[in-house]
Amino acid sequence: MIIQRIFKDTDATAVAALVKKTMLTTNIKDYTKEYLENDLKKLTALAFIERAKYFHCYVFSDSTAENKIVGVGSIGAYWGKKDESSLFNIFVLPEYQGQGIGRQIIQTLEQDIFFKRSKRIEIPASITGLKFYQKMGYSFKNGIDTIDDEGLYRLEKVRKEE
């Protein structure tokens, strides 16, 4: 069973290892090793601790495997705006992919206050994650369907007034 909870600083090393393993196993199909290793320099345990001060970061653990962290995802304000947010660092361990954990991460983030207060939510999406995010209702920002200079697609979801 997959259990979600808010990230704690003590999770940082496991989260950084999860991200590294996922990128070098799954994302390597779409990016060079050099690109990924450069990106990983910004995704250290310390960086996750710092980001958790500004974002709401959730971890997802497998209760049948000694609560091993198998997924992570974050949401925060888009450049400090109150009515726009961004999703960040959504990763699932390769051996757990295809089991609905990614969907659970998105659903959790979409229940967060950062999501609920926003009219627009953006995702800087990897080539690897593009189809998944589109299945979750995110579309190309401004209709631009090409990768940017960071090697990412810019996707968004515009929320209807409730």
Protein backbone atom coordinates (compact mmCIF):
# COMPACT_ATOMS: atom_id res chain seq x y z
CA MET A 1 0.00 0.00 0.00
CA ILE A 2 1.28 3.47 -0.91
CA ILE A 3 1.10 6.05 1.86
CA GLN A 4 1.56 9.79 1.35
CA ARG A 5 2.81 12.36 3.81
CA ILE A 6 4.54 15.71 3.94
CA PHE A 7 8.30 15.65 3.32
CA LYS A 8 10.54 15.83 6.38
CA ASP A 9 14.18 16.93 6.30
CA THR A 10 15.16 13.37 7.26
CA ASP A 11 13.70 12.22 3.90
CA ALA A 12 16.11 14.35 1.88
CA THR A 13 18.81 11.75 1.26
CA ALA A 14 16.29 9.09 0.19
CA VAL A 15 14.45 11.58 -2.05
CA ALA A 16 17.66 12.73 -3.75
CA ALA A 17 18.63 9.07 -4.34
CA LEU A 18 15.15 8.31 -5.75
CA VAL A 19 15.40 11.27 -8.15
CA LYS A 20 18.91 10.27 -9.26
CA LYS A 21 17.95 6.64 -9.86
CA THR A 22 14.80 7.63 -11.75
CA MET A 23 16.57 10.14 -13.95
CA LEU A 24 19.46 7.82 -14.78
CA THR A 25 17.12 4.88 -15.44
CA THR A 26 13.96 6.34 -16.96
CA ASN A 27 14.83 9.84 -18.23
CA ILE A 28 18.07 8.58 -19.81
CA LYS A 29 15.91 7.38 -22.72
CA ASP A 30 15.18 11.02 -23.64
CA TYR A 31 18.22 12.96 -22.40
CA THR A 32 21.99 12.62 -22.47
CA LYS A 33 23.80 11.46 -19.37
CA GLU A 34 25.64 14.81 -19.30
CA TYR A 35 22.33 16.73 -19.29
CA LEU A 36 20.93 14.59 -16.46
CA GLU A 37 24.08 14.75 -14.35
CA ASN A 38 24.10 18.54 -14.71
CA ASP A 39 20.46 18.66 -13.60
CA LEU A 40 21.20 16.36 -10.66
CA LYS A 41 23.71 18.88 -9.31
CA LYS A 42 20.64 21.01 -8.43
CA LEU A 43 18.64 18.09 -6.98
CA THR A 44 20.69 17.27 -3.90
CA ALA A 45 19.42 16.34 -0.45
CA LEU A 46 20.26 19.85 0.75
CA ALA A 47 18.36 21.38 -2.18
CA PHE A 48 15.24 19.41 -1.26
CA ILE A 49 15.47 20.61 2.35
CA GLU A 50 15.75 24.22 1.11
CA ARG A 51 12.89 23.88 -1.38
CA ALA A 52 10.61 22.37 1.28
CA LYS A 53 10.74 25.74 3.07
CA TYR A 54 8.89 27.33 0.13
CA PHE A 55 7.02 24.47 -1.52
CA HIS A 56 4.71 21.79 -0.20
CA CYS A 57 6.60 18.58 -0.86
CA TYR A 58 5.00 15.16 -0.45
CA VAL A 59 6.62 11.76 -0.27
CA PHE A 60 4.96 8.47 -1.12
CA SER A 61 6.14 5.32 0.60
CA ASP A 62 5.48 1.62 0.26
CA SER A 63 4.10 0.33 3.57
CA THR A 64 4.84 -3.25 2.48
CA ALA A 65 8.55 -2.45 1.97
CA GLU A 66 9.52 -0.89 5.32
CA ASN A 67 8.03 2.46 4.23
CA LYS A 68 10.59 2.87 1.47
CA ILE A 69 10.08 6.20 -0.32
CA VAL A 70 8.99 5.37 -3.87
CA GLY A 71 7.65 8.71 -5.12
CA VAL A 72 7.89 12.45 -4.58
CA GLY A 73 6.17 15.59 -5.81
CA SER A 74 6.03 19.28 -4.90
CA ILE A 75 3.83 22.30 -5.51
CA GLY A 76 4.57 25.95 -4.87
CA ALA A 77 3.73 29.46 -5.94
CA TYR A 78 4.64 30.33 -9.53
CA TRP A 79 7.27 33.07 -9.11
CA GLY A 80 5.62 34.20 -5.88
CA LYS A 81 2.17 34.71 -7.39
CA LYS A 82 -0.92 34.06 -5.26
CA ASP A 83 -3.15 32.93 -8.15
CA GLU A 84 -0.67 30.72 -10.04
CA SER A 85 1.32 27.69 -8.93
CA SER A 86 3.80 25.19 -10.34
CA LEU A 87 4.34 21.49 -9.87
CA PHE A 88 7.95 20.40 -9.38
CA ASN A 89 10.13 17.34 -8.99
CA ILE A 90 7.57 14.63 -9.65
CA PHE A 91 9.36 11.29 -9.68
CA VAL A 92 8.48 7.64 -9.12
CA LEU A 93 11.12 4.94 -8.71
CA PRO A 94 11.48 2.96 -11.97
CA GLU A 95 10.40 -0.33 -10.40
CA TYR A 96 7.18 1.33 -9.15
CA GLN A 97 6.26 3.10 -12.39
CA GLY A 98 3.03 2.07 -14.10
CA GLN A 99 1.27 1.29 -10.80
CA GLY A 100 -0.73 4.51 -10.43
CA ILE A 101 1.66 6.26 -8.06
CA GLY A 102 2.26 9.15 -10.45
CA ARG A 103 -1.50 9.66 -10.69
CA GLN A 104 -1.69 9.57 -6.87
CA ILE A 105 1.05 12.23 -6.68
CA ILE A 106 -0.80 14.55 -9.09
CA GLN A 107 -4.11 13.99 -7.29
CA THR A 108 -2.44 14.82 -3.96
CA LEU A 109 -0.85 17.98 -5.34
CA GLU A 110 -4.19 19.01 -6.84
CA GLN A 111 -5.73 18.89 -3.34
CA ASP A 112 -3.05 21.19 -1.91
CA ILE A 113 -3.85 24.81 -1.01
CA PHE A 114 -1.33 26.07 -3.61
CA PHE A 115 -3.40 24.32 -6.30
CA LYS A 116 -6.81 25.27 -4.92
CA ARG A 117 -5.98 28.98 -4.73
CA SER A 118 -4.61 29.08 -8.29
CA LYS A 119 -6.29 29.93 -11.55
CA ARG A 120 -3.36 28.42 -13.47
CA ILE A 121 -0.88 25.67 -12.65
CA GLU A 122 2.28 25.15 -14.67
CA ILE A 123 4.52 22.10 -15.00
CA PRO A 124 8.01 22.23 -16.46
CA ALA A 125 7.66 18.74 -18.00
CA SER A 126 10.41 16.45 -19.14
CA ILE A 127 10.19 14.77 -22.53
CA THR A 128 9.79 11.55 -20.52
CA GLY A 129 6.79 12.82 -18.55
CA LEU A 130 4.95 14.66 -21.33
CA LYS A 131 2.33 12.02 -22.21
CA PHE A 132 1.64 11.29 -18.53
CA TYR A 133 0.96 14.95 -17.73
CA GLN A 134 -1.24 15.29 -20.80
CA LYS A 135 -3.28 12.30 -19.56
CA MET A 136 -3.65 14.18 -16.25
CA GLY A 137 -5.23 17.14 -18.05
CA TYR A 138 -2.25 19.43 -18.62
CA SER A 139 -1.73 21.02 -22.05
CA PHE A 140 0.94 23.05 -23.80
CA LYS A 141 1.30 26.56 -22.39
CA ASN A 142 0.30 29.09 -25.04
CA GLY A 143 -0.01 26.18 -27.49
CA ILE A 144 3.79 25.88 -27.74
CA ASP A 145 4.52 22.17 -28.29
CA THR A 146 8.31 22.34 -28.50
CA ILE A 147 10.92 21.96 -25.79
CA ASP A 148 12.52 25.10 -24.40
CA ASP A 149 16.20 25.90 -23.85
CA GLU A 150 16.10 23.88 -20.61
CA GLY A 151 15.01 20.77 -22.52
CA LEU A 152 11.51 20.90 -21.04
CA TYR A 153 7.95 21.38 -22.21
CA ARG A 154 5.91 24.06 -20.47
CA LEU A 155 2.50 22.64 -19.66
CA GLU A 156 -0.39 24.19 -17.79
CA LYS A 157 -3.84 23.55 -16.45
CA VAL A 158 -6.26 26.44 -16.18
CA ARG A 159 -8.82 25.92 -13.44
CA LYS A 160 -12.44 26.85 -13.86
CA GLU A 161 -14.06 29.02 -11.19
CA GLU A 162 -15.71 26.82 -8.58
